[in-house]
Every structure is written in structure tokens, then in C-alpha cells.
Amino acid sequence: MDPLTLFGALAVGAMLVFYALEARSAWFVLAFAGACLASSAYGFLQGAWPFGVVELVWSFIAARRWWLRQLDDRAG
């Protein structure tokens, strides 16, 4: 397994784990956003730019969800 494939497998695996743990803490939502960024980087590096774009969008969505959850936690 070459280093780029290993990086991609770890990034997508981290996405799966952090997504499953999101209900436990807002920090897992932020970690999911970071894993999406890593998956996006993998997609672009591997040459699958549509995958990279979709994962980049998901990272922004997850970061926004983290931000809104932080605001809700402070208000409530």
C-alpha cells in the first residue's frame, strides 16, 4: 500500500469514526470536519477532483454545524 492510499484510508476511516461519535460532543463534529478536509486533500492529490470538491463542501457543512452547536451550548 503506497503512502497516498494509506493517507486516504486513514482520512475516510477517521470520518466514519468521528461521524459515529458526533452525538457525544461538539468536538467530534469539529474532528469530522477536519477528517473531511483530509479526505478532500486525498481526493485532489489522487486526481479524483470531484471527490475532493464534495469532501471540501462537507467540511464546511460540518464546521458550520460545530459552530451552531457551540452557540446553542452557550445559550442554553
PDB file of N, CA and C in Angstrom:
ATOM      1  N   MET A   1       0.846  -1.169   0.000  1.00  0.00           N
ATOM      2  CA  MET A   1       0.000   0.000   0.000  1.00  0.00           C
ATOM      3  C   MET A   1       0.900   1.244   0.000  1.00  0.00           C
ATOM      4  N   ASP A   2       0.673   2.116  -0.973  1.00  0.00           N
ATOM      5  CA  ASP A   2       1.505   3.315  -1.056  1.00  0.00           C
ATOM      6  C   ASP A   2       1.033   4.359  -0.030  1.00  0.00           C
ATOM      7  N   PRO A   3       1.890   5.330   0.292  1.00  0.00           N
ATOM      8  CA  PRO A   3       1.553   6.318   1.330  1.00  0.00           C
ATOM      9  C   PRO A   3       0.275   7.106   1.049  1.00  0.00           C
ATOM     10  N   LEU A   4       0.006   7.438  -0.202  1.00  0.00           N
ATOM     11  CA  LEU A   4      -1.199   8.203  -0.515  1.00  0.00           C
ATOM     12  C   LEU A   4      -2.462   7.378  -0.236  1.00  0.00           C
ATOM     13  N   THR A   5      -2.444   6.108  -0.582  1.00  0.00           N
ATOM     14  CA  THR A   5      -3.579   5.231  -0.308  1.00  0.00           C
ATOM     15  C   THR A   5      -3.791   5.062   1.188  1.00  0.00           C
ATOM     16  N   LEU A   6      -2.705   4.921   1.932  1.00  0.00           N
ATOM     17  CA  LEU A   6      -2.794   4.810   3.384  1.00  0.00           C
ATOM     18  C   LEU A   6      -3.386   6.087   3.985  1.00  0.00           C
ATOM     19  N   PHE A   7      -2.934   7.249   3.511  1.00  0.00           N
ATOM     20  CA  PHE A   7      -3.473   8.520   3.976  1.00  0.00           C
ATOM     21  C   PHE A   7      -4.974   8.590   3.710  1.00  0.00           C
ATOM     22  N   GLY A   8      -5.397   8.212   2.520  1.00  0.00           N
ATOM     23  CA  GLY A   8      -6.818   8.231   2.176  1.00  0.00           C
ATOM     24  C   GLY A   8      -7.632   7.296   3.049  1.00  0.00           C
ATOM     25  N   ALA A   9      -7.120   6.107   3.281  1.00  0.00           N
ATOM     26  CA  ALA A   9      -7.830   5.146   4.124  1.00  0.00           C
ATOM     27  C   ALA A   9      -7.970   5.659   5.549  1.00  0.00           C
ATOM     28  N   LEU A  10      -6.915   6.271   6.067  1.00  0.00           N
ATOM     29  CA  LEU A  10      -6.983   6.829   7.422  1.00  0.00           C
ATOM     30  C   LEU A  10      -7.950   8.008   7.496  1.00  0.00           C
ATOM     31  N   ALA A  11      -7.947   8.864   6.476  1.00  0.00           N
ATOM     32  CA  ALA A  11      -8.840  10.018   6.465  1.00  0.00           C
ATOM     33  C   ALA A  11     -10.303   9.585   6.413  1.00  0.00           C
ATOM     34  N   VAL A  12     -10.623   8.657   5.529  1.00  0.00           N
ATOM     35  CA  VAL A  12     -12.007   8.193   5.415  1.00  0.00           C
ATOM     36  C   VAL A  12     -12.416   7.390   6.651  1.00  0.00           C
ATOM     37  N   GLY A  13     -11.495   6.623   7.191  1.00  0.00           N
ATOM     38  CA  GLY A  13     -11.777   5.898   8.437  1.00  0.00           C
ATOM     39  C   GLY A  13     -12.050   6.843   9.595  1.00  0.00           C
ATOM     40  N   ALA A  14     -11.278   7.919   9.674  1.00  0.00           N
ATOM     41  CA  ALA A  14     -11.498   8.915  10.721  1.00  0.00           C
ATOM     42  C   ALA A  14     -12.863   9.583  10.544  1.00  0.00           C
ATOM     43  N   MET A  15     -13.240   9.840   9.304  1.00  0.00           N
ATOM     44  CA  MET A  15     -14.574  10.404   9.059  1.00  0.00           C
ATOM     45  C   MET A  15     -15.655   9.499   9.635  1.00  0.00           C
ATOM     46  N   LEU A  16     -15.547   8.223   9.375  1.00  0.00           N
ATOM     47  CA  LEU A  16     -16.534   7.261   9.853  1.00  0.00           C
ATOM     48  C   LEU A  16     -16.610   7.254  11.377  1.00  0.00           C
ATOM     49  N   VAL A  17     -15.466   7.195  12.036  1.00  0.00           N
ATOM     50  CA  VAL A  17     -15.422   7.142  13.500  1.00  0.00           C
ATOM     51  C   VAL A  17     -15.985   8.434  14.102  1.00  0.00           C
ATOM     52  N   PHE A  18     -15.527   9.580  13.609  1.00  0.00           N
ATOM     53  CA  PHE A  18     -15.982  10.846  14.184  1.00  0.00           C
ATOM     54  C   PHE A  18     -17.456  11.097  13.913  1.00  0.00           C
ATOM     55  N   TYR A  19     -17.955  10.671  12.763  1.00  0.00           N
ATOM     56  CA  TYR A  19     -19.377  10.816  12.470  1.00  0.00           C
ATOM     57  C   TYR A  19     -20.208   9.992  13.456  1.00  0.00           C
ATOM     58  N   ALA A  20     -19.744   8.802  13.756  1.00  0.00           N
ATOM     59  CA  ALA A  20     -20.466   7.931  14.690  1.00  0.00           C
ATOM     60  C   ALA A  20     -20.471   8.500  16.107  1.00  0.00           C
ATOM     61  N   LEU A  21     -19.464   9.306  16.448  1.00  0.00           N
ATOM     62  CA  LEU A  21     -19.335   9.847  17.805  1.00  0.00           C
ATOM     63  C   LEU A  21     -19.878  11.267  17.950  1.00  0.00           C
ATOM     64  N   GLU A  22     -20.432  11.841  16.903  1.00  0.00           N
ATOM     65  CA  GLU A  22     -20.869  13.235  16.937  1.00  0.00           C
ATOM     66  C   GLU A  22     -21.853  13.548  18.048  1.00  0.00           C
ATOM     67  N   ALA A  23     -22.730  12.626  18.406  1.00  0.00           N
ATOM     68  CA  ALA A  23     -23.739  12.886  19.430  1.00  0.00           C
ATOM     69  C   ALA A  23     -23.113  13.064  20.818  1.00  0.00           C
ATOM     70  N   ARG A  24     -21.909  12.585  21.000  1.00  0.00           N
ATOM     71  CA  ARG A  24     -21.265  12.646  22.315  1.00  0.00           C
ATOM     72  C   ARG A  24     -20.684  14.006  22.652  1.00  0.00           C
ATOM     73  N   SER A  25     -20.205  14.726  21.635  1.00  0.00           N
ATOM     74  CA  SER A  25     -19.555  16.005  21.896  1.00  0.00           C
ATOM     75  C   SER A  25     -19.468  16.819  20.612  1.00  0.00           C
ATOM     76  N   ALA A  26     -19.560  18.130  20.769  1.00  0.00           N
ATOM     77  CA  ALA A  26     -19.394  19.019  19.617  1.00  0.00           C
ATOM     78  C   ALA A  26     -17.985  18.890  19.041  1.00  0.00           C
ATOM     79  N   TRP A  27     -17.033  18.503  19.871  1.00  0.00           N
ATOM     80  CA  TRP A  27     -15.655  18.384  19.386  1.00  0.00           C
ATOM     81  C   TRP A  27     -15.512  17.263  18.362  1.00  0.00           C
ATOM     82  N   PHE A  28     -16.369  16.245  18.426  1.00  0.00           N
ATOM     83  CA  PHE A  28     -16.340  15.201  17.410  1.00  0.00           C
ATOM     84  C   PHE A  28     -16.876  15.727  16.079  1.00  0.00           C
ATOM     85  N   VAL A  29     -17.785  16.701  16.135  1.00  0.00           N
ATOM     86  CA  VAL A  29     -18.271  17.336  14.910  1.00  0.00           C
ATOM     87  C   VAL A  29     -17.117  18.094  14.251  1.00  0.00           C
ATOM     88  N   LEU A  30     -16.348  18.806  15.056  1.00  0.00           N
ATOM     89  CA  LEU A  30     -15.189  19.525  14.526  1.00  0.00           C
ATOM     90  C   LEU A  30     -14.135  18.551  13.991  1.00  0.00           C
ATOM     91  N   ALA A  31     -13.934  17.450  14.700  1.00  0.00           N
ATOM     92  CA  ALA A  31     -12.986  16.432  14.224  1.00  0.00           C
ATOM     93  C   ALA A  31     -13.467  15.834  12.899  1.00  0.00           C
ATOM     94  N   PHE A  32     -14.779  15.653  12.757  1.00  0.00           N
ATOM     95  CA  PHE A  32     -15.333  15.163  11.496  1.00  0.00           C
ATOM     96  C   PHE A  32     -15.042  16.156  10.374  1.00  0.00           C
ATOM     97  N   ALA A  33     -15.179  17.449  10.660  1.00  0.00           N
ATOM     98  CA  ALA A  33     -14.867  18.473   9.657  1.00  0.00           C
ATOM     99  C   ALA A  33     -13.398  18.381   9.237  1.00  0.00           C
ATOM    100  N   GLY A  34     -12.512  18.183  10.200  1.00  0.00           N
ATOM    101  CA  GLY A  34     -11.095  18.035   9.889  1.00  0.00           C
ATOM    102  C   GLY A  34     -10.820  16.789   9.059  1.00  0.00           C
ATOM    103  N   ALA A  35     -11.495  15.706   9.384  1.00  0.00           N
ATOM    104  CA  ALA A  35     -11.327  14.471   8.612  1.00  0.00           C
ATOM    105  C   ALA A  35     -11.852  14.651   7.187  1.00  0.00           C
ATOM    106  N   CYS A  36     -12.922  15.435   7.037  1.00  0.00           N
ATOM    107  CA  CYS A  36     -13.428  15.736   5.693  1.00  0.00           C
ATOM    108  C   CYS A  36     -12.394  16.528   4.899  1.00  0.00           C
ATOM    109  N   LEU A  37     -11.719  17.473   5.562  1.00  0.00           N
ATOM    110  CA  LEU A  37     -10.655  18.223   4.887  1.00  0.00           C
ATOM    111  C   LEU A  37      -9.529  17.298   4.439  1.00  0.00           C
ATOM    112  N   ALA A  38      -9.160  16.366   5.317  1.00  0.00           N
ATOM    113  CA  ALA A  38      -8.107  15.408   4.959  1.00  0.00           C
ATOM    114  C   ALA A  38      -8.554  14.541   3.780  1.00  0.00           C
ATOM    115  N   SER A  39      -9.812  14.123   3.787  1.00  0.00           N
ATOM    116  CA  SER A  39     -10.329  13.328   2.669  1.00  0.00           C
ATOM    117  C   SER A  39     -10.363  14.142   1.386  1.00  0.00           C
ATOM    118  N   SER A  40     -10.670  15.423   1.500  1.00  0.00           N
ATOM    119  CA  SER A  40     -10.657  16.307   0.343  1.00  0.00           C
ATOM    120  C   SER A  40      -9.244  16.415  -0.228  1.00  0.00           C
ATOM    121  N   ALA A  41      -8.278  16.601   0.649  1.00  0.00           N
ATOM    122  CA  ALA A  41      -6.884  16.676   0.200  1.00  0.00           C
ATOM    123  C   ALA A  41      -6.491  15.382  -0.511  1.00  0.00           C
ATOM    124  N   TYR A  42      -6.908  14.250   0.049  1.00  0.00           N
ATOM    125  CA  TYR A  42      -6.622  12.966  -0.596  1.00  0.00           C
ATOM    126  C   TYR A  42      -7.228  12.915  -1.994  1.00  0.00           C
ATOM    127  N   GLY A  43      -8.477  13.336  -2.110  1.00  0.00           N
ATOM    128  CA  GLY A  43      -9.137  13.310  -3.405  1.00  0.00           C
ATOM    129  C   GLY A  43      -8.395  14.135  -4.443  1.00  0.00           C
ATOM    130  N   PHE A  44      -7.993  15.351  -4.058  1.00  0.00           N
ATOM    131  CA  PHE A  44      -7.262  16.189  -5.002  1.00  0.00           C
ATOM    132  C   PHE A  44      -5.888  15.604  -5.335  1.00  0.00           C
ATOM    133  N   LEU A  45      -5.191  15.096  -4.321  1.00  0.00           N
ATOM    134  CA  LEU A  45      -3.864  14.518  -4.562  1.00  0.00           C
ATOM    135  C   LEU A  45      -3.934  13.264  -5.433  1.00  0.00           C
ATOM    136  N   GLN A  46      -5.008  12.520  -5.289  1.00  0.00           N
ATOM    137  CA  GLN A  46      -5.159  11.275  -6.026  1.00  0.00           C
ATOM    138  C   GLN A  46      -5.625  11.527  -7.461  1.00  0.00           C
ATOM    139  N   GLY A  47      -6.147  12.732  -7.693  1.00  0.00           N
ATOM    140  CA  GLY A  47      -6.610  13.070  -9.034  1.00  0.00           C
ATOM    141  C   GLY A  47      -8.105  12.938  -9.220  1.00  0.00           C
ATOM    142  N   ALA A  48      -8.807  12.609  -8.156  1.00  0.00           N
ATOM    143  CA  ALA A  48     -10.266  12.485  -8.210  1.00  0.00           C
ATOM    144  C   ALA A  48     -10.867  13.784  -7.696  1.00  0.00           C
ATOM    145  N   TRP A  49     -10.760  14.842  -8.516  1.00  0.00           N
ATOM    146  CA  TRP A  49     -11.173  16.166  -8.051  1.00  0.00           C
ATOM    147  C   TRP A  49     -12.651  16.260  -7.690  1.00  0.00           C
ATOM    148  N   PRO A  50     -13.585  15.504  -8.313  1.00  0.00           N
ATOM    149  CA  PRO A  50     -14.977  15.592  -7.837  1.00  0.00           C
ATOM    150  C   PRO A  50     -15.119  15.135  -6.378  1.00  0.00           C
ATOM    151  N   PHE A  51     -14.398  14.090  -6.011  1.00  0.00           N
ATOM    152  CA  PHE A  51     -14.396  13.622  -4.624  1.00  0.00           C
ATOM    153  C   PHE A  51     -13.815  14.703  -3.721  1.00  0.00           C
ATOM    154  N   GLY A  52     -12.739  15.330  -4.149  1.00  0.00           N
ATOM    155  CA  GLY A  52     -12.127  16.396  -3.371  1.00  0.00           C
ATOM    156  C   GLY A  52     -13.070  17.561  -3.152  1.00  0.00           C
ATOM    157  N   VAL A  53     -13.808  17.932  -4.179  1.00  0.00           N
ATOM    158  CA  VAL A  53     -14.757  19.045  -4.058  1.00  0.00           C
ATOM    159  C   VAL A  53     -15.888  18.693  -3.095  1.00  0.00           C
ATOM    160  N   VAL A  54     -16.450  17.501  -3.240  1.00  0.00           N
ATOM    161  CA  VAL A  54     -17.555  17.093  -2.364  1.00  0.00           C
ATOM    162  C   VAL A  54     -17.110  17.045  -0.910  1.00  0.00           C
ATOM    163  N   GLU A  55     -15.946  16.507  -0.651  1.00  0.00           N
ATOM    164  CA  GLU A  55     -15.451  16.439   0.720  1.00  0.00           C
ATOM    165  C   GLU A  55     -15.146  17.835   1.274  1.00  0.00           C
ATOM    166  N   LEU A  56     -14.701  18.732   0.425  1.00  0.00           N
ATOM    167  CA  LEU A  56     -14.468  20.107   0.853  1.00  0.00           C
ATOM    168  C   LEU A  56     -15.786  20.759   1.269  1.00  0.00           C
ATOM    169  N   VAL A  57     -16.828  20.538   0.498  1.00  0.00           N
ATOM    170  CA  VAL A  57     -18.143  21.066   0.854  1.00  0.00           C
ATOM    171  C   VAL A  57     -18.607  20.473   2.178  1.00  0.00           C
ATOM    172  N   TRP A  58     -18.441  19.158   2.346  1.00  0.00           N
ATOM    173  CA  TRP A  58     -18.832  18.522   3.608  1.00  0.00           C
ATOM    174  C   TRP A  58     -18.049  19.094   4.791  1.00  0.00           C
ATOM    175  N   SER A  59     -16.805  19.450   4.582  1.00  0.00           N
ATOM    176  CA  SER A  59     -16.030  20.015   5.694  1.00  0.00           C
ATOM    177  C   SER A  59     -16.609  21.355   6.120  1.00  0.00           C
ATOM    178  N   PHE A  60     -17.064  22.172   5.153  1.00  0.00           N
ATOM    179  CA  PHE A  60     -17.693  23.444   5.504  1.00  0.00           C
ATOM    180  C   PHE A  60     -19.027  23.228   6.213  1.00  0.00           C
ATOM    181  N   ILE A  61     -19.798  22.265   5.747  1.00  0.00           N
ATOM    182  CA  ILE A  61     -21.080  21.952   6.391  1.00  0.00           C
ATOM    183  C   ILE A  61     -20.854  21.500   7.829  1.00  0.00           C
ATOM    184  N   ALA A  62     -19.897  20.629   8.038  1.00  0.00           N
ATOM    185  CA  ALA A  62     -19.613  20.127   9.385  1.00  0.00           C
ATOM    186  C   ALA A  62     -19.076  21.234  10.281  1.00  0.00           C
ATOM    187  N   ALA A  63     -18.218  22.096   9.758  1.00  0.00           N
ATOM    188  CA  ALA A  63     -17.692  23.205  10.559  1.00  0.00           C
ATOM    189  C   ALA A  63     -18.825  24.151  10.964  1.00  0.00           C
ATOM    190  N   ARG A  64     -19.764  24.385  10.058  1.00  0.00           N
ATOM    191  CA  ARG A  64     -20.914  25.234  10.383  1.00  0.00           C
ATOM    192  C   ARG A  64     -21.776  24.568  11.448  1.00  0.00           C
ATOM    193  N   ARG A  65     -21.989  23.257  11.352  1.00  0.00           N
ATOM    194  CA  ARG A  65     -22.756  22.544  12.373  1.00  0.00           C
ATOM    195  C   ARG A  65     -22.077  22.631  13.729  1.00  0.00           C
ATOM    196  N   TRP A  66     -20.744  22.538  13.746  1.00  0.00           N
ATOM    197  CA  TRP A  66     -19.998  22.676  15.001  1.00  0.00           C
ATOM    198  C   TRP A  66     -20.199  24.080  15.576  1.00  0.00           C
ATOM    199  N   TRP A  67     -20.079  25.094  14.731  1.00  0.00           N
ATOM    200  CA  TRP A  67     -20.229  26.475  15.170  1.00  0.00           C
ATOM    201  C   TRP A  67     -21.625  26.707  15.756  1.00  0.00           C
ATOM    202  N   LEU A  68     -22.654  26.246  15.066  1.00  0.00           N
ATOM    203  CA  LEU A  68     -24.019  26.431  15.559  1.00  0.00           C
ATOM    204  C   LEU A  68     -24.252  25.658  16.854  1.00  0.00           C
ATOM    205  N   ARG A  69     -23.658  24.497  16.964  1.00  0.00           N
ATOM    206  CA  ARG A  69     -23.796  23.714  18.201  1.00  0.00           C
ATOM    207  C   ARG A  69     -23.092  24.418  19.363  1.00  0.00           C
ATOM    208  N   GLN A  70     -21.958  25.033  19.085  1.00  0.00           N
ATOM    209  CA  GLN A  70     -21.264  25.802  20.123  1.00  0.00           C
ATOM    210  C   GLN A  70     -22.141  26.961  20.605  1.00  0.00           C
ATOM    211  N   LEU A  71     -22.784  27.645  19.669  1.00  0.00           N
ATOM    212  CA  LEU A  71     -23.660  28.756  20.031  1.00  0.00           C
ATOM    213  C   LEU A  71     -24.841  28.274  20.857  1.00  0.00           C
ATOM    214  N   ASP A  72     -25.425  27.133  20.478  1.00  0.00           N
ATOM    215  CA  ASP A  72     -26.545  26.565  21.232  1.00  0.00           C
ATOM    216  C   ASP A  72     -26.119  26.170  22.639  1.00  0.00           C
ATOM    217  N   ASP A  73     -24.933  25.601  22.777  1.00  0.00           N
ATOM    218  CA  ASP A  73     -24.436  25.195  24.086  1.00  0.00           C
ATOM    219  C   ASP A  73     -24.217  26.389  24.997  1.00  0.00           C
ATOM    220  N   ARG A  74     -23.754  27.496  24.430  1.00  0.00           N
ATOM    221  CA  ARG A  74     -23.529  28.702  25.235  1.00  0.00           C
ATOM    222  C   ARG A  74     -24.838  29.377  25.639  1.00  0.00           C
ATOM    223  N   ALA A  75     -25.824  29.312  24.757  1.00  0.00           N
ATOM    224  CA  ALA A  75     -27.107  29.960  25.023  1.00  0.00           C
ATOM    225  C   ALA A  75     -27.961  29.164  26.018  1.00  0.00           C
ATOM    226  N   GLY A  76     -27.781  27.865  26.000  1.00  0.00           N
ATOM    227  CA  GLY A  76     -28.661  27.015  26.818  1.00  0.00           C
ATOM    228  C   GLY A  76     -27.987  26.539  28.023  1.00  0.00           C
TER     229      GLY A  76
END
